[in-house]
Amino acid sequence: MARKSRAGVEPGAPSPSGRGLPVIPRTWEHVSMGYWVVKAILGPLLAIFFRPWSEGVDNVPREGPAILAWNHLSFSDHFFGPLPLPRKVTFLAKSEYFTGRGVKGLISKAFFRGVGQIPVDRTGGEASERALRTGLRVLAEGHLLGIYPEGTRTPDGRLYRGKTGVARLALESGAPVIPCAMIGTFELQPPGRLLPRLSVRPGVRFGKPLDFSRYAGLKSDRLVLRAVTDEIMYAVMNLSGQVYVDEDAQRAKKRAKPGSAASRDAAAQPDGAAEPDGAAEPDAVPSSTPGAP
């Protein structure tokens, strides 16, 4: 007899939602116990020391799949972002969190495995495609999937151009996208700062769900993917109040490093020049890793 998952569905069987996506069996990657234990311990401590606030929590559905698309200001985002939600949020975490060495590596590995986050190889190509499929399977099981469309933390507090992986997830899964904005976490823990500032009170805003069903069947259209991604980032911008920069955040980081190849390339390009953007390039993959460098 075929083995069934805890959800009572055979591995690889179609989703109960009828979207035709396979349901994945429960593994350590999807264990919820550690998530709630960590939240039960950290939640009261964060509330006491930082007094975080939230708006629009009711915009996040109480059941069923949804994609939560956040701006990415600080390492603190993945603590304060999901904090006010009564549901578990699964993030696609960069694989480096699971492969570190020494005491720091062991702590990181234990934490991210304990809270059920999913390791993702961000080198592009087949690894990135597997990350996309994993995100789709999480949604097929009716969970919340948290991603950072910028692909990395902002280098200067501004909002950078989103990668089209979030659009692919939305169009292939049919799940609504909830724009989410972290407020104050850049000042709370700016780049290079280990301990957050107690003087800053962080917050998070959840926007109205975005429905992209009008683009059904167009998941391979580069222009549609870019239009959907830009609409999501525009909604995030309105919630966060950030200045928008139509540039890849990772490229901006590299350009800011003196002597880097990107810095030399940027000096040779006219102002505003940008790399081509399309569904087949690495940035079309869901860059959703909390605390990405």
Protein backbone atom coordinates (compact mmCIF):
# COMPACT_ATOMS: atom_id res chain seq x y z
CA MET A 1 0.00 0.00 0.00
CA ALA A 2 1.32 3.47 -0.89
CA ARG A 3 2.72 5.46 1.99
CA LYS A 4 0.85 8.62 2.87
CA SER A 5 2.09 11.83 4.43
CA ARG A 6 0.79 13.15 7.71
CA ALA A 7 -1.61 15.25 5.74
CA GLY A 8 -3.18 12.01 4.52
CA VAL A 9 -2.10 12.52 0.91
CA GLU A 10 0.15 10.25 -1.07
CA PRO A 11 3.51 11.85 -1.94
CA GLY A 12 3.39 13.19 -5.47
CA ALA A 13 -0.42 13.17 -5.56
CA PRO A 14 -2.24 16.26 -6.90
CA SER A 15 -2.91 19.07 -4.46
CA PRO A 16 -6.33 19.08 -2.72
CA SER A 17 -6.63 22.65 -3.95
CA GLY A 18 -7.05 21.30 -7.48
CA ARG A 19 -4.16 23.29 -8.93
CA GLY A 20 -2.40 20.09 -10.00
CA LEU A 21 0.81 20.75 -8.04
CA PRO A 22 2.31 17.75 -6.23
CA VAL A 23 2.07 17.54 -2.45
CA ILE A 24 5.38 16.87 -0.75
CA PRO A 25 5.71 14.44 2.15
CA ARG A 26 6.51 15.84 5.57
CA THR A 27 10.23 15.96 6.29
CA TRP A 28 12.41 17.77 8.79
CA GLU A 29 12.24 20.78 6.47
CA HIS A 30 8.56 21.17 7.21
CA VAL A 31 8.43 20.46 10.94
CA SER A 32 6.42 23.12 12.74
CA MET A 33 7.26 22.28 16.35
CA GLY A 34 10.61 24.08 16.40
CA TYR A 35 9.08 27.15 14.75
CA TRP A 36 6.45 27.56 17.45
CA VAL A 37 8.90 26.81 20.27
CA VAL A 38 11.29 29.49 19.01
CA LYS A 39 8.41 31.93 18.51
CA ALA A 40 7.04 31.23 21.99
CA ILE A 41 10.44 31.97 23.52
CA LEU A 42 11.56 34.89 21.37
CA GLY A 43 8.16 36.54 20.92
CA PRO A 44 7.75 37.80 24.51
CA LEU A 45 11.41 38.87 24.69
CA LEU A 46 11.20 40.86 21.45
CA ALA A 47 7.94 42.42 22.63
CA ILE A 48 9.50 43.53 25.91
CA PHE A 49 12.77 44.92 24.55
CA PHE A 50 11.73 46.32 21.17
CA ARG A 51 7.95 46.91 21.38
CA PRO A 52 7.34 45.97 17.72
CA TRP A 53 4.13 47.11 16.02
CA SER A 54 2.14 45.82 13.06
CA GLU A 55 -0.62 46.90 10.69
CA GLY A 56 -2.87 44.98 8.32
CA VAL A 57 -2.43 41.51 9.84
CA ASP A 58 -6.01 40.70 8.77
CA ASN A 59 -4.88 40.98 5.13
CA VAL A 60 -3.01 37.69 5.51
CA PRO A 61 -5.44 34.77 4.94
CA ARG A 62 -6.13 32.55 7.93
CA GLU A 63 -5.89 29.44 5.77
CA GLY A 64 -4.78 28.44 2.31
CA PRO A 65 -1.64 29.32 0.35
CA ALA A 66 -0.28 32.83 -0.02
CA ILE A 67 3.03 34.43 -0.98
CA LEU A 68 4.34 37.06 1.43
CA ALA A 69 6.65 39.42 -0.47
CA TRP A 70 8.83 41.50 1.85
CA ASN A 71 11.31 44.30 1.42
CA HIS A 72 14.64 43.32 2.97
CA LEU A 73 16.25 45.89 5.26
CA SER A 74 18.06 43.88 7.89
CA PHE A 75 18.93 40.47 9.33
CA SER A 76 16.24 41.26 11.91
CA ASP A 77 13.51 41.09 9.26
CA HIS A 78 12.94 37.36 9.55
CA PHE A 79 12.34 37.74 13.30
CA PHE A 80 10.05 40.76 13.33
CA GLY A 81 8.29 40.09 10.01
CA PRO A 82 6.43 36.86 10.87
CA LEU A 83 6.11 37.75 14.57
CA PRO A 84 2.52 39.13 14.53
CA LEU A 85 1.13 36.35 12.32
CA PRO A 86 -0.78 33.40 13.85
CA ARG A 87 0.42 31.14 11.00
CA LYS A 88 3.81 29.65 10.27
CA VAL A 89 5.77 31.30 7.44
CA THR A 90 8.18 29.10 5.49
CA PHE A 91 11.17 30.86 3.95
CA LEU A 92 13.59 29.55 1.37
CA ALA A 93 16.84 30.07 3.29
CA LYS A 94 20.25 30.27 1.61
CA SER A 95 22.12 26.98 1.83
CA GLU A 96 25.09 28.63 3.56
CA TYR A 97 23.02 28.75 6.75
CA PHE A 98 23.07 24.94 6.79
CA THR A 99 26.71 24.34 5.88
CA GLY A 100 28.65 26.66 8.19
CA ARG A 101 31.50 25.40 10.34
CA GLY A 102 32.45 25.94 13.94
CA VAL A 103 30.19 27.03 16.79
CA LYS A 104 28.49 29.73 14.72
CA GLY A 105 27.79 27.24 11.94
CA LEU A 106 26.30 24.71 14.35
CA ILE A 107 24.04 27.33 15.92
CA SER A 108 22.90 28.56 12.52
CA LYS A 109 22.27 25.03 11.29
CA ALA A 110 20.30 24.06 14.39
CA PHE A 111 18.19 27.22 14.33
CA PHE A 112 17.19 27.15 10.67
CA ARG A 113 16.52 23.42 10.68
CA GLY A 114 14.58 23.74 13.92
CA VAL A 115 12.20 26.36 12.54
CA GLY A 116 11.57 24.34 9.38
CA GLN A 117 13.23 26.60 6.83
CA ILE A 118 14.26 25.15 3.48
CA PRO A 119 17.89 25.36 2.24
CA VAL A 120 18.30 26.77 -1.26
CA ASP A 121 21.38 26.75 -3.48
CA ARG A 122 21.42 30.22 -5.06
CA THR A 123 24.09 29.55 -7.68
CA GLY A 124 21.49 29.62 -10.44
CA GLY A 125 20.62 27.16 -13.18
CA GLU A 126 19.15 23.83 -12.07
CA ALA A 127 19.65 24.67 -8.38
CA SER A 128 17.57 27.82 -8.75
CA GLU A 129 14.88 25.94 -10.64
CA ARG A 130 14.71 23.40 -7.82
CA ALA A 131 14.20 26.29 -5.40
CA LEU A 132 11.26 27.47 -7.47
CA ARG A 133 9.71 24.01 -7.51
CA THR A 134 10.18 23.69 -3.76
CA GLY A 135 8.37 26.98 -3.22
CA LEU A 136 5.52 25.77 -5.42
CA ARG A 137 5.21 22.58 -3.40
CA VAL A 138 5.04 24.56 -0.16
CA LEU A 139 2.17 26.58 -1.63
CA ALA A 140 0.50 23.42 -2.93
CA GLU A 141 0.25 22.20 0.66
CA GLY A 142 -1.63 25.36 1.59
CA HIS A 143 1.19 27.09 3.51
CA LEU A 144 2.48 30.65 3.63
CA LEU A 145 5.69 31.19 1.65
CA GLY A 146 7.83 34.18 2.59
CA ILE A 147 10.25 35.63 0.04
CA TYR A 148 12.42 38.72 -0.46
CA PRO A 149 12.07 39.66 -4.16
CA GLU A 150 15.10 41.98 -4.02
CA GLY A 151 17.23 38.88 -3.50
CA THR A 152 19.47 40.39 -0.84
CA ARG A 153 19.42 43.03 1.87
CA THR A 154 19.34 46.64 0.74
CA PRO A 155 22.78 48.26 0.96
CA ASP A 156 21.44 51.73 1.81
CA GLY A 157 17.83 51.51 3.00
CA ARG A 158 16.28 52.06 -0.44
CA LEU A 159 14.00 49.59 -2.25
CA TYR A 160 15.63 47.86 -5.21
CA ARG A 161 14.19 46.17 -8.28
CA GLY A 162 12.51 42.84 -7.63
CA LYS A 163 13.56 39.58 -9.26
CA THR A 164 10.92 37.88 -11.36
CA GLY A 165 10.90 34.63 -9.36
CA VAL A 166 8.07 36.04 -7.24
CA ALA A 167 5.98 36.47 -10.39
CA ARG A 168 6.66 32.90 -11.52
CA LEU A 169 5.57 31.60 -8.13
CA ALA A 170 2.38 33.66 -8.24
CA LEU A 171 1.41 32.69 -11.79
CA GLU A 172 2.27 29.00 -11.49
CA SER A 173 0.63 28.49 -8.09
CA GLY A 174 -2.35 30.81 -8.46
CA ALA A 175 -1.74 31.95 -4.88
CA PRO A 176 -2.37 35.58 -3.90
CA VAL A 177 0.61 37.80 -3.14
CA ILE A 178 0.59 39.81 0.09
CA PRO A 179 2.94 42.83 -0.12
CA CYS A 180 4.73 43.27 3.21
CA ALA A 181 6.88 46.17 4.39
CA MET A 182 9.39 46.15 7.21
CA ILE A 183 9.69 49.54 8.88
CA GLY A 184 12.68 50.70 10.92
CA THR A 185 14.73 47.51 10.84
CA PHE A 186 17.47 49.14 8.74
CA GLU A 187 18.04 51.65 11.55
CA LEU A 188 17.54 48.89 14.13
CA GLN A 189 20.36 46.73 12.72
CA PRO A 190 22.15 48.36 9.77
CA PRO A 191 24.70 46.41 7.71
CA GLY A 192 27.73 45.43 9.77
CA ARG A 193 26.02 45.86 13.13
CA LEU A 194 25.82 42.68 15.22
CA LEU A 195 23.47 43.76 18.02
CA PRO A 196 20.23 45.64 17.26
CA ARG A 197 19.59 49.07 18.77
CA LEU A 198 17.10 49.06 21.63
CA SER A 199 16.17 52.68 20.86
CA VAL A 200 14.49 51.76 17.55
CA ARG A 201 10.93 50.40 17.51
CA PRO A 202 10.48 48.19 14.41
CA GLY A 203 7.23 47.52 12.61
CA VAL A 204 5.66 45.63 9.73
CA ARG A 205 2.76 46.47 7.41
CA PHE A 206 0.76 43.87 5.48
CA GLY A 207 -0.97 45.13 2.35
CA LYS A 208 -4.10 43.98 0.53
CA PRO A 209 -3.74 40.69 -1.39
CA LEU A 210 -2.78 41.02 -5.04
CA ASP A 211 -4.54 38.71 -7.49
CA PHE A 212 -2.78 37.92 -10.76
CA SER A 213 -5.26 35.39 -12.15
CA ARG A 214 -5.73 37.67 -15.17
CA TYR A 215 -2.28 36.52 -16.32
CA ALA A 216 -3.11 32.80 -16.15
CA GLY A 217 -1.21 30.85 -18.79
CA LEU A 218 1.42 33.56 -19.31
CA LYS A 219 4.01 32.30 -16.83
CA SER A 220 6.68 32.11 -19.56
CA ASP A 221 6.16 35.61 -20.91
CA ARG A 222 9.12 37.77 -19.85
CA LEU A 223 7.18 41.02 -20.15
CA VAL A 224 4.32 39.67 -18.03
CA LEU A 225 6.74 38.41 -15.37
CA ARG A 226 8.42 41.81 -15.20
CA ALA A 227 5.05 43.63 -15.07
CA VAL A 228 3.79 41.42 -12.22
CA THR A 229 7.04 41.82 -10.29
CA ASP A 230 6.98 45.61 -10.71
CA GLU A 231 3.37 45.74 -9.49
CA ILE A 232 4.35 43.81 -6.37
CA MET A 233 7.35 46.06 -5.71
CA TYR A 234 5.21 49.17 -6.25
CA ALA A 235 2.79 47.91 -3.58
CA VAL A 236 5.71 47.24 -1.21
CA MET A 237 7.07 50.74 -1.90
CA ASN A 238 3.73 52.35 -1.04
CA LEU A 239 3.64 50.44 2.25
CA SER A 240 7.26 51.10 3.24
CA GLY A 241 7.67 54.67 2.00
CA GLN A 242 11.12 53.77 0.62
CA VAL A 243 12.78 55.43 -2.34
CA TYR A 244 12.69 53.01 -5.29
CA VAL A 245 15.82 52.23 -7.32
CA ASP A 246 15.39 50.47 -10.68
CA GLU A 247 18.55 48.42 -10.26
CA ASP A 248 19.55 45.00 -8.97
CA ALA A 249 20.53 45.27 -5.29
CA GLN A 250 23.37 42.77 -5.59
CA ARG A 251 24.87 44.73 -8.46
CA ALA A 252 24.60 47.93 -6.42
CA LYS A 253 26.45 46.24 -3.56
CA LYS A 254 29.26 45.07 -5.81
CA ARG A 255 29.58 48.47 -7.42
CA ALA A 256 29.89 50.08 -4.00
CA LYS A 257 32.97 47.97 -3.19
CA PRO A 258 36.13 49.85 -4.23
CA GLY A 259 38.16 48.01 -6.81
CA SER A 260 35.44 45.48 -7.65
CA ALA A 261 34.80 44.43 -11.25
CA ALA A 262 31.24 45.75 -11.00
CA SER A 263 32.58 49.08 -9.81
CA ARG A 264 34.84 49.34 -12.88
CA ASP A 265 32.00 48.25 -15.16
CA ALA A 266 29.64 50.80 -13.66
CA ALA A 267 32.19 53.55 -14.20
CA ALA A 268 32.35 52.62 -17.88
CA GLN A 269 28.55 52.60 -18.33
CA PRO A 270 26.31 55.65 -18.75
CA ASP A 271 24.16 56.55 -15.77
CA GLY A 272 21.05 54.42 -15.47
CA ALA A 273 22.40 51.55 -17.58
CA ALA A 274 20.94 48.26 -16.47
CA GLU A 275 21.48 44.60 -17.15
CA PRO A 276 18.87 42.80 -19.26
CA ASP A 277 16.16 41.14 -17.22
CA GLY A 278 14.35 37.95 -18.16
CA ALA A 279 12.70 34.79 -16.91
CA ALA A 280 15.64 32.59 -17.90
CA GLU A 281 18.32 34.46 -15.99
CA PRO A 282 19.35 33.58 -12.42
CA ASP A 283 17.44 36.54 -10.93
CA ALA A 284 14.19 34.98 -12.09
CA VAL A 285 14.50 32.49 -9.25
CA PRO A 286 12.84 33.18 -5.88
CA SER A 287 15.53 34.93 -3.87
CA SER A 288 13.82 34.62 -0.55
CA THR A 289 16.53 33.96 1.92
CA PRO A 290 16.15 35.68 5.25
CA GLY A 291 19.25 37.53 6.19
CA ALA A 292 20.91 37.14 2.81
CA PRO A 293 24.18 39.08 2.61
